[in-house]
Amino acid sequence: MSTSRKNQIIYNSKQFSDRKKLAYVHALKSDFLEKDIAHESMTQTQLKNLADNLEVPLSRLFDTKNAIECGISEPHNLDELSKLKVMQKIPQTIQTPILIKDDKYLLVDDIGDIIRLEQGN
């Protein structure tokens, strides 16, 4: 993740819903740098900074359902450091996509979130 304030979308190309939201960002003709975590890993520091900038606990970035599907037993019982290690090693456990526009960070739940960010709301 770049330290500059460029617009960026962090997504997982192995997730259909992420690819759909990425296509929507492309349709807006917005200028976003792309970071595909399926092919570009994130460090534990980057993940922690991302959670801090989103102003959410790290557990909000941790996808428990995908962790279970990836064979992690009892992922809800992991401490923060263990979650960071899992997220770094298994990117499917990171909630995505995440949009960064100027100084705004947004964990995208639906396309409406992208529209609101583009409109400045």
C-alpha atoms as a PDB file:
ATOM      1  CA  MET A   1       0.000   0.000   0.000  1.00  0.00           C
ATOM      2  CA  SER A   2       1.439   3.306  -1.040  1.00  0.00           C
ATOM      3  CA  THR A   3       1.908   6.060   1.494  1.00  0.00           C
ATOM      4  CA  SER A   4       0.850   8.687  -1.068  1.00  0.00           C
ATOM      5  CA  ARG A   5      -2.715   9.992  -1.110  1.00  0.00           C
ATOM      6  CA  LYS A   6      -3.590   8.488  -4.494  1.00  0.00           C
ATOM      7  CA  ASN A   7      -6.973   6.917  -4.918  1.00  0.00           C
ATOM      8  CA  GLN A   8      -6.753   3.167  -4.473  1.00  0.00           C
ATOM      9  CA  ILE A   9      -8.959   0.108  -4.446  1.00  0.00           C
ATOM     10  CA  ILE A  10      -7.816  -2.938  -2.521  1.00  0.00           C
ATOM     11  CA  TYR A  11      -9.655  -6.041  -3.677  1.00  0.00           C
ATOM     12  CA  ASN A  12      -9.377  -9.799  -4.050  1.00  0.00           C
ATOM     13  CA  SER A  13      -9.715 -10.999  -7.645  1.00  0.00           C
ATOM     14  CA  LYS A  14     -10.651 -14.463  -6.360  1.00  0.00           C
ATOM     15  CA  GLN A  15     -13.865 -13.023  -4.885  1.00  0.00           C
ATOM     16  CA  PHE A  16     -16.694 -12.586  -7.396  1.00  0.00           C
ATOM     17  CA  SER A  17     -18.285  -9.742  -5.443  1.00  0.00           C
ATOM     18  CA  ASP A  18     -14.966  -7.858  -5.414  1.00  0.00           C
ATOM     19  CA  ARG A  19     -14.603  -8.223  -9.191  1.00  0.00           C
ATOM     20  CA  LYS A  20     -18.147  -6.897  -9.603  1.00  0.00           C
ATOM     21  CA  LYS A  21     -17.415  -3.836  -7.461  1.00  0.00           C
ATOM     22  CA  LEU A  22     -14.111  -3.275  -9.273  1.00  0.00           C
ATOM     23  CA  ALA A  23     -15.990  -3.275 -12.595  1.00  0.00           C
ATOM     24  CA  TYR A  24     -18.328  -0.650 -11.162  1.00  0.00           C
ATOM     25  CA  VAL A  25     -15.358   1.535 -10.172  1.00  0.00           C
ATOM     26  CA  HIS A  26     -14.035   1.161 -13.749  1.00  0.00           C
ATOM     27  CA  ALA A  27     -17.445   2.152 -15.128  1.00  0.00           C
ATOM     28  CA  LEU A  28     -17.272   5.391 -13.139  1.00  0.00           C
ATOM     29  CA  LYS A  29     -14.064   6.177 -14.999  1.00  0.00           C
ATOM     30  CA  SER A  30     -12.505   7.069 -11.661  1.00  0.00           C
ATOM     31  CA  ASP A  31      -8.747   7.038 -11.392  1.00  0.00           C
ATOM     32  CA  PHE A  32      -7.973   4.353  -8.803  1.00  0.00           C
ATOM     33  CA  LEU A  33      -4.759   2.412  -8.399  1.00  0.00           C
ATOM     34  CA  GLU A  34      -5.551  -1.276  -7.997  1.00  0.00           C
ATOM     35  CA  LYS A  35      -4.090  -3.615  -5.402  1.00  0.00           C
ATOM     36  CA  ASP A  36      -5.164  -7.221  -5.857  1.00  0.00           C
ATOM     37  CA  ILE A  37      -4.409  -8.980  -2.589  1.00  0.00           C
ATOM     38  CA  ALA A  38      -4.763 -12.344  -4.313  1.00  0.00           C
ATOM     39  CA  HIS A  39      -1.449 -11.511  -6.024  1.00  0.00           C
ATOM     40  CA  GLU A  40       0.118  -8.785  -3.859  1.00  0.00           C
ATOM     41  CA  SER A  41       0.482  -9.563  -0.181  1.00  0.00           C
ATOM     42  CA  MET A  42       0.038  -7.014   2.561  1.00  0.00           C
ATOM     43  CA  THR A  43       2.292  -6.752   5.584  1.00  0.00           C
ATOM     44  CA  GLN A  44       0.959  -6.928   9.103  1.00  0.00           C
ATOM     45  CA  THR A  45       1.833  -3.248   9.524  1.00  0.00           C
ATOM     46  CA  GLN A  46      -0.125  -2.329   6.379  1.00  0.00           C
ATOM     47  CA  LEU A  47      -3.123  -4.310   7.616  1.00  0.00           C
ATOM     48  CA  LYS A  48      -3.000  -2.664  11.041  1.00  0.00           C
ATOM     49  CA  ASN A  49      -2.653   0.805   9.455  1.00  0.00           C
ATOM     50  CA  LEU A  50      -5.568   0.035   7.160  1.00  0.00           C
ATOM     51  CA  ALA A  51      -7.798  -0.831  10.133  1.00  0.00           C
ATOM     52  CA  ASP A  52      -6.645   2.331  11.921  1.00  0.00           C
ATOM     53  CA  ASN A  53      -7.396   4.521   8.882  1.00  0.00           C
ATOM     54  CA  LEU A  54     -10.791   2.860   8.458  1.00  0.00           C
ATOM     55  CA  GLU A  55     -11.354   3.556  12.163  1.00  0.00           C
ATOM     56  CA  VAL A  56     -12.492  -0.011  12.746  1.00  0.00           C
ATOM     57  CA  PRO A  57     -11.145  -2.748  14.975  1.00  0.00           C
ATOM     58  CA  LEU A  58      -8.920  -5.241  13.175  1.00  0.00           C
ATOM     59  CA  SER A  59     -11.596  -7.883  13.746  1.00  0.00           C
ATOM     60  CA  ARG A  60     -13.854  -5.937  11.311  1.00  0.00           C
ATOM     61  CA  LEU A  61     -11.283  -6.564   8.544  1.00  0.00           C
ATOM     62  CA  PHE A  62     -11.046 -10.256   9.422  1.00  0.00           C
ATOM     63  CA  ASP A  63     -13.470 -12.418   7.438  1.00  0.00           C
ATOM     64  CA  THR A  64     -14.375 -15.200   9.872  1.00  0.00           C
ATOM     65  CA  LYS A  65     -16.533 -17.061   7.345  1.00  0.00           C
ATOM     66  CA  ASN A  66     -13.700 -17.284   4.825  1.00  0.00           C
ATOM     67  CA  ALA A  67     -11.276 -18.207   7.604  1.00  0.00           C
ATOM     68  CA  ILE A  68     -13.454 -21.214   8.440  1.00  0.00           C
ATOM     69  CA  GLU A  69     -13.660 -22.145   4.751  1.00  0.00           C
ATOM     70  CA  CYS A  70      -9.844 -21.941   4.596  1.00  0.00           C
ATOM     71  CA  GLY A  71      -9.552 -24.434   7.444  1.00  0.00           C
ATOM     72  CA  ILE A  72      -8.830 -22.092  10.366  1.00  0.00           C
ATOM     73  CA  SER A  73     -10.391 -23.682  13.435  1.00  0.00           C
ATOM     74  CA  GLU A  74     -12.222 -21.331  15.793  1.00  0.00           C
ATOM     75  CA  PRO A  75     -11.143 -18.103  14.053  1.00  0.00           C
ATOM     76  CA  HIS A  76     -13.362 -16.023  16.350  1.00  0.00           C
ATOM     77  CA  ASN A  77     -11.051 -16.974  19.242  1.00  0.00           C
ATOM     78  CA  LEU A  78      -7.865 -15.631  17.620  1.00  0.00           C
ATOM     79  CA  ASP A  79      -6.136 -12.642  19.199  1.00  0.00           C
ATOM     80  CA  GLU A  80      -5.180  -9.599  17.109  1.00  0.00           C
ATOM     81  CA  LEU A  81      -1.624 -10.763  16.352  1.00  0.00           C
ATOM     82  CA  SER A  82      -2.873 -14.183  15.247  1.00  0.00           C
ATOM     83  CA  LYS A  83      -5.484 -12.566  13.001  1.00  0.00           C
ATOM     84  CA  LEU A  84      -2.801 -10.374  11.439  1.00  0.00           C
ATOM     85  CA  LYS A  85      -0.644 -13.429  10.741  1.00  0.00           C
ATOM     86  CA  VAL A  86      -3.573 -15.303   9.178  1.00  0.00           C
ATOM     87  CA  MET A  87      -4.611 -12.284   7.089  1.00  0.00           C
ATOM     88  CA  GLN A  88      -1.070 -11.869   5.809  1.00  0.00           C
ATOM     89  CA  LYS A  89      -0.725 -15.544   4.928  1.00  0.00           C
ATOM     90  CA  ILE A  90      -4.291 -16.147   3.651  1.00  0.00           C
ATOM     91  CA  PRO A  91      -5.604 -13.013   1.891  1.00  0.00           C
ATOM     92  CA  GLN A  92      -9.106 -14.510   1.537  1.00  0.00           C
ATOM     93  CA  THR A  93      -9.514 -13.724   5.236  1.00  0.00           C
ATOM     94  CA  ILE A  94      -9.325  -9.963   4.605  1.00  0.00           C
ATOM     95  CA  GLN A  95     -12.660  -8.175   4.147  1.00  0.00           C
ATOM     96  CA  THR A  96     -12.536  -6.454   0.786  1.00  0.00           C
ATOM     97  CA  PRO A  97     -12.896  -4.327  -1.257  1.00  0.00           C
ATOM     98  CA  ILE A  98     -11.555  -1.223   0.396  1.00  0.00           C
ATOM     99  CA  LEU A  99     -11.578   2.155  -1.324  1.00  0.00           C
ATOM    100  CA  ILE A 100      -9.177   4.947  -0.496  1.00  0.00           C
ATOM    101  CA  LYS A 101     -10.038   8.318  -1.979  1.00  0.00           C
ATOM    102  CA  ASP A 102      -7.974  11.277  -0.881  1.00  0.00           C
ATOM    103  CA  ASP A 103      -8.011  10.908   2.905  1.00  0.00           C
ATOM    104  CA  LYS A 104     -11.215   8.832   3.093  1.00  0.00           C
ATOM    105  CA  TYR A 105     -11.038   5.085   3.683  1.00  0.00           C
ATOM    106  CA  LEU A 106     -14.087   2.928   3.105  1.00  0.00           C
ATOM    107  CA  LEU A 107     -14.756  -0.765   3.575  1.00  0.00           C
ATOM    108  CA  VAL A 108     -17.226  -1.360   0.745  1.00  0.00           C
ATOM    109  CA  ASP A 109     -20.277  -3.441   1.608  1.00  0.00           C
ATOM    110  CA  ASP A 110     -22.286  -2.596  -1.513  1.00  0.00           C
ATOM    111  CA  ILE A 111     -22.164  -0.489  -4.664  1.00  0.00           C
ATOM    112  CA  GLY A 112     -24.055   2.285  -2.888  1.00  0.00           C
ATOM    113  CA  ASP A 113     -20.951   2.846  -0.747  1.00  0.00           C
ATOM    114  CA  ILE A 114     -18.926   3.517  -3.914  1.00  0.00           C
ATOM    115  CA  ILE A 115     -21.533   5.987  -5.176  1.00  0.00           C
ATOM    116  CA  ARG A 116     -21.573   7.862  -1.853  1.00  0.00           C
ATOM    117  CA  LEU A 117     -17.772   8.080  -1.800  1.00  0.00           C
ATOM    118  CA  GLU A 118     -17.671   9.352  -5.390  1.00  0.00           C
ATOM    119  CA  GLN A 119     -20.289  11.996  -4.567  1.00  0.00           C
ATOM    120  CA  GLY A 120     -18.307  13.068  -1.527  1.00  0.00           C
ATOM    121  CA  ASN A 121     -20.901  11.970   1.044  1.00  0.00           C
END
